[in-house]
Amino acid sequence: MKITKQDLIDMNCDPEHVDDWFDIRKDKRAPSLTGTAWKKIVNQIELAGLTIAQGIEACCEYEWRGFRADWYANKLRQLASESSNIHLIDDAKSRKEGVRTALRNINGTDW
């Protein structure tokens, strides 16, 4: 049994996400979505704590032809790391400007 776009839409997946995901699967030359493959994907989506709709949306966002809970966890860690790096850079810029202001106040010069 093959899983169709309409099957996913009937599972409350966004039709746009379904279309996008099937396009991604086609571009990546994924085989037809069989019932067995779908069961494994659903198992992994549930293991990640997502709904099927959220899992399909993640597949679209990250251009995955399938879904694995460890891929999702790694992506979340990567995004969190990138976010904290941005905060570190912003903090460094803020500290640098604070030092410049303090030096201007002490020396009465323009840095």
C-alpha atoms as a PDB file:
ATOM      1  CA  MET A   1       0.000   0.000   0.000  1.00  0.00           C
ATOM      2  CA  LYS A   2       1.390   3.403  -0.965  1.00  0.00           C
ATOM      3  CA  ILE A   3       0.758   6.501   1.117  1.00  0.00           C
ATOM      4  CA  THR A   4      -0.651   9.346  -0.973  1.00  0.00           C
ATOM      5  CA  LYS A   5      -0.787  13.088  -0.548  1.00  0.00           C
ATOM      6  CA  GLN A   6      -4.477  12.799   0.250  1.00  0.00           C
ATOM      7  CA  ASP A   7      -3.708  10.273   3.011  1.00  0.00           C
ATOM      8  CA  LEU A   8      -1.484  12.851   4.711  1.00  0.00           C
ATOM      9  CA  ILE A   9      -4.006  15.647   4.216  1.00  0.00           C
ATOM     10  CA  ASP A  10      -6.615  13.377   5.823  1.00  0.00           C
ATOM     11  CA  MET A  11      -4.209  13.116   8.800  1.00  0.00           C
ATOM     12  CA  ASN A  12      -4.490  16.909   9.253  1.00  0.00           C
ATOM     13  CA  CYS A  13      -1.234  17.744   7.500  1.00  0.00           C
ATOM     14  CA  ASP A  14      -1.099  21.106   5.747  1.00  0.00           C
ATOM     15  CA  PRO A  15      -1.677  20.497   2.006  1.00  0.00           C
ATOM     16  CA  GLU A  16       1.158  22.895   1.119  1.00  0.00           C
ATOM     17  CA  HIS A  17       3.568  20.988   3.359  1.00  0.00           C
ATOM     18  CA  VAL A  18       2.412  17.706   1.860  1.00  0.00           C
ATOM     19  CA  ASP A  19       3.010  18.984  -1.679  1.00  0.00           C
ATOM     20  CA  ASP A  20       6.404  20.370  -0.702  1.00  0.00           C
ATOM     21  CA  TRP A  21       7.440  17.139   1.012  1.00  0.00           C
ATOM     22  CA  PHE A  22       6.451  14.983  -1.927  1.00  0.00           C
ATOM     23  CA  ASP A  23       8.442  17.347  -4.187  1.00  0.00           C
ATOM     24  CA  ILE A  24      11.467  17.048  -1.883  1.00  0.00           C
ATOM     25  CA  ARG A  25      11.142  13.253  -1.900  1.00  0.00           C
ATOM     26  CA  LYS A  26      10.918  13.270  -5.693  1.00  0.00           C
ATOM     27  CA  ASP A  27      13.943  15.589  -6.049  1.00  0.00           C
ATOM     28  CA  LYS A  28      15.941  13.342  -3.730  1.00  0.00           C
ATOM     29  CA  ARG A  29      14.844  10.277  -5.677  1.00  0.00           C
ATOM     30  CA  ALA A  30      13.162   8.668  -2.688  1.00  0.00           C
ATOM     31  CA  PRO A  31      11.186   5.523  -3.429  1.00  0.00           C
ATOM     32  CA  SER A  32       7.406   5.478  -3.169  1.00  0.00           C
ATOM     33  CA  LEU A  33       6.107   5.993   0.326  1.00  0.00           C
ATOM     34  CA  THR A  34       5.066   2.475   1.276  1.00  0.00           C
ATOM     35  CA  GLY A  35       3.008   1.571   4.291  1.00  0.00           C
ATOM     36  CA  THR A  36       6.069   0.038   5.970  1.00  0.00           C
ATOM     37  CA  ALA A  37       8.210   3.122   5.371  1.00  0.00           C
ATOM     38  CA  TRP A  38       5.394   5.354   6.582  1.00  0.00           C
ATOM     39  CA  LYS A  39       5.025   3.360   9.825  1.00  0.00           C
ATOM     40  CA  LYS A  40       8.733   3.879  10.529  1.00  0.00           C
ATOM     41  CA  ILE A  41       8.469   7.607   9.798  1.00  0.00           C
ATOM     42  CA  VAL A  42       5.430   7.953  12.071  1.00  0.00           C
ATOM     43  CA  ASN A  43       7.234   6.022  14.810  1.00  0.00           C
ATOM     44  CA  GLN A  44      10.186   8.428  14.598  1.00  0.00           C
ATOM     45  CA  ILE A  45       7.931  11.515  14.510  1.00  0.00           C
ATOM     46  CA  GLU A  46       6.162  10.296  17.651  1.00  0.00           C
ATOM     47  CA  LEU A  47       9.503   9.460  19.275  1.00  0.00           C
ATOM     48  CA  ALA A  48      10.493  13.110  18.724  1.00  0.00           C
ATOM     49  CA  GLY A  49       7.290  14.162  20.500  1.00  0.00           C
ATOM     50  CA  LEU A  50       5.712  15.743  17.424  1.00  0.00           C
ATOM     51  CA  THR A  51       2.399  15.369  15.687  1.00  0.00           C
ATOM     52  CA  ILE A  52       2.433  13.965  12.173  1.00  0.00           C
ATOM     53  CA  ALA A  53       1.703  17.447  10.797  1.00  0.00           C
ATOM     54  CA  GLN A  54       4.655  18.909  12.734  1.00  0.00           C
ATOM     55  CA  GLY A  55       6.906  16.107  11.537  1.00  0.00           C
ATOM     56  CA  ILE A  56       5.983  16.676   7.892  1.00  0.00           C
ATOM     57  CA  GLU A  57       6.499  20.408   8.353  1.00  0.00           C
ATOM     58  CA  ALA A  58       9.986  19.716   9.777  1.00  0.00           C
ATOM     59  CA  CYS A  59      10.759  17.493   6.791  1.00  0.00           C
ATOM     60  CA  CYS A  60       9.867  20.392   4.513  1.00  0.00           C
ATOM     61  CA  GLU A  61      11.776  22.973   6.518  1.00  0.00           C
ATOM     62  CA  TYR A  62      14.975  20.916   6.612  1.00  0.00           C
ATOM     63  CA  GLU A  63      14.450  19.281   3.197  1.00  0.00           C
ATOM     64  CA  TRP A  64      14.438  15.741   4.544  1.00  0.00           C
ATOM     65  CA  ARG A  65      13.026  12.910   2.464  1.00  0.00           C
ATOM     66  CA  GLY A  66      12.186  11.048   5.677  1.00  0.00           C
ATOM     67  CA  PHE A  67      12.217  11.716   9.395  1.00  0.00           C
ATOM     68  CA  ARG A  68      14.318  10.421  12.238  1.00  0.00           C
ATOM     69  CA  ALA A  69      14.062  11.583  15.823  1.00  0.00           C
ATOM     70  CA  ASP A  70      17.857  11.853  16.159  1.00  0.00           C
ATOM     71  CA  TRP A  71      18.036  14.117  13.074  1.00  0.00           C
ATOM     72  CA  TYR A  72      15.428  16.356  14.662  1.00  0.00           C
ATOM     73  CA  ALA A  73      17.205  16.416  18.031  1.00  0.00           C
ATOM     74  CA  ASN A  74      20.507  17.250  16.331  1.00  0.00           C
ATOM     75  CA  LYS A  75      18.848  20.051  14.338  1.00  0.00           C
ATOM     76  CA  LEU A  76      17.366  21.518  17.522  1.00  0.00           C
ATOM     77  CA  ARG A  77      20.787  21.395  19.211  1.00  0.00           C
ATOM     78  CA  GLN A  78      22.382  23.040  16.180  1.00  0.00           C
ATOM     79  CA  LEU A  79      19.780  25.806  16.122  1.00  0.00           C
ATOM     80  CA  ALA A  80      20.142  26.386  19.867  1.00  0.00           C
ATOM     81  CA  SER A  81      23.922  26.592  19.487  1.00  0.00           C
ATOM     82  CA  GLU A  82      23.624  29.069  16.621  1.00  0.00           C
ATOM     83  CA  SER A  83      21.205  31.142  18.676  1.00  0.00           C
ATOM     84  CA  SER A  84      23.530  31.190  21.703  1.00  0.00           C
ATOM     85  CA  ASN A  85      26.463  32.137  19.455  1.00  0.00           C
ATOM     86  CA  ILE A  86      24.483  35.110  18.188  1.00  0.00           C
ATOM     87  CA  HIS A  87      23.814  36.157  21.778  1.00  0.00           C
ATOM     88  CA  LEU A  88      27.521  35.797  22.610  1.00  0.00           C
ATOM     89  CA  ILE A  89      28.434  38.031  19.670  1.00  0.00           C
ATOM     90  CA  ASP A  90      25.809  40.592  20.676  1.00  0.00           C
ATOM     91  CA  ASP A  91      27.073  40.466  24.276  1.00  0.00           C
ATOM     92  CA  ALA A  92      30.669  40.991  23.112  1.00  0.00           C
ATOM     93  CA  LYS A  93      29.646  43.982  20.985  1.00  0.00           C
ATOM     94  CA  SER A  94      27.723  45.412  23.916  1.00  0.00           C
ATOM     95  CA  ARG A  95      30.700  44.957  26.281  1.00  0.00           C
ATOM     96  CA  LYS A  96      33.037  46.529  23.731  1.00  0.00           C
ATOM     97  CA  GLU A  97      30.779  49.578  23.420  1.00  0.00           C
ATOM     98  CA  GLY A  98      30.567  49.776  27.214  1.00  0.00           C
ATOM     99  CA  VAL A  99      34.368  49.812  27.458  1.00  0.00           C
ATOM    100  CA  ARG A 100      34.573  52.550  24.815  1.00  0.00           C
ATOM    101  CA  THR A 101      32.023  54.652  26.697  1.00  0.00           C
ATOM    102  CA  ALA A 102      33.864  54.178  29.980  1.00  0.00           C
ATOM    103  CA  LEU A 103      37.192  55.174  28.381  1.00  0.00           C
ATOM    104  CA  ARG A 104      35.607  58.274  26.838  1.00  0.00           C
ATOM    105  CA  ASN A 105      34.281  59.269  30.258  1.00  0.00           C
ATOM    106  CA  ILE A 106      37.630  58.700  31.945  1.00  0.00           C
ATOM    107  CA  ASN A 107      39.893  60.267  29.358  1.00  0.00           C
ATOM    108  CA  GLY A 108      37.517  62.785  27.857  1.00  0.00           C
ATOM    109  CA  THR A 109      38.540  61.585  24.388  1.00  0.00           C
ATOM    110  CA  ASP A 110      36.578  60.225  21.470  1.00  0.00           C
ATOM    111  CA  TRP A 111      37.534  56.643  20.622  1.00  0.00           C
END
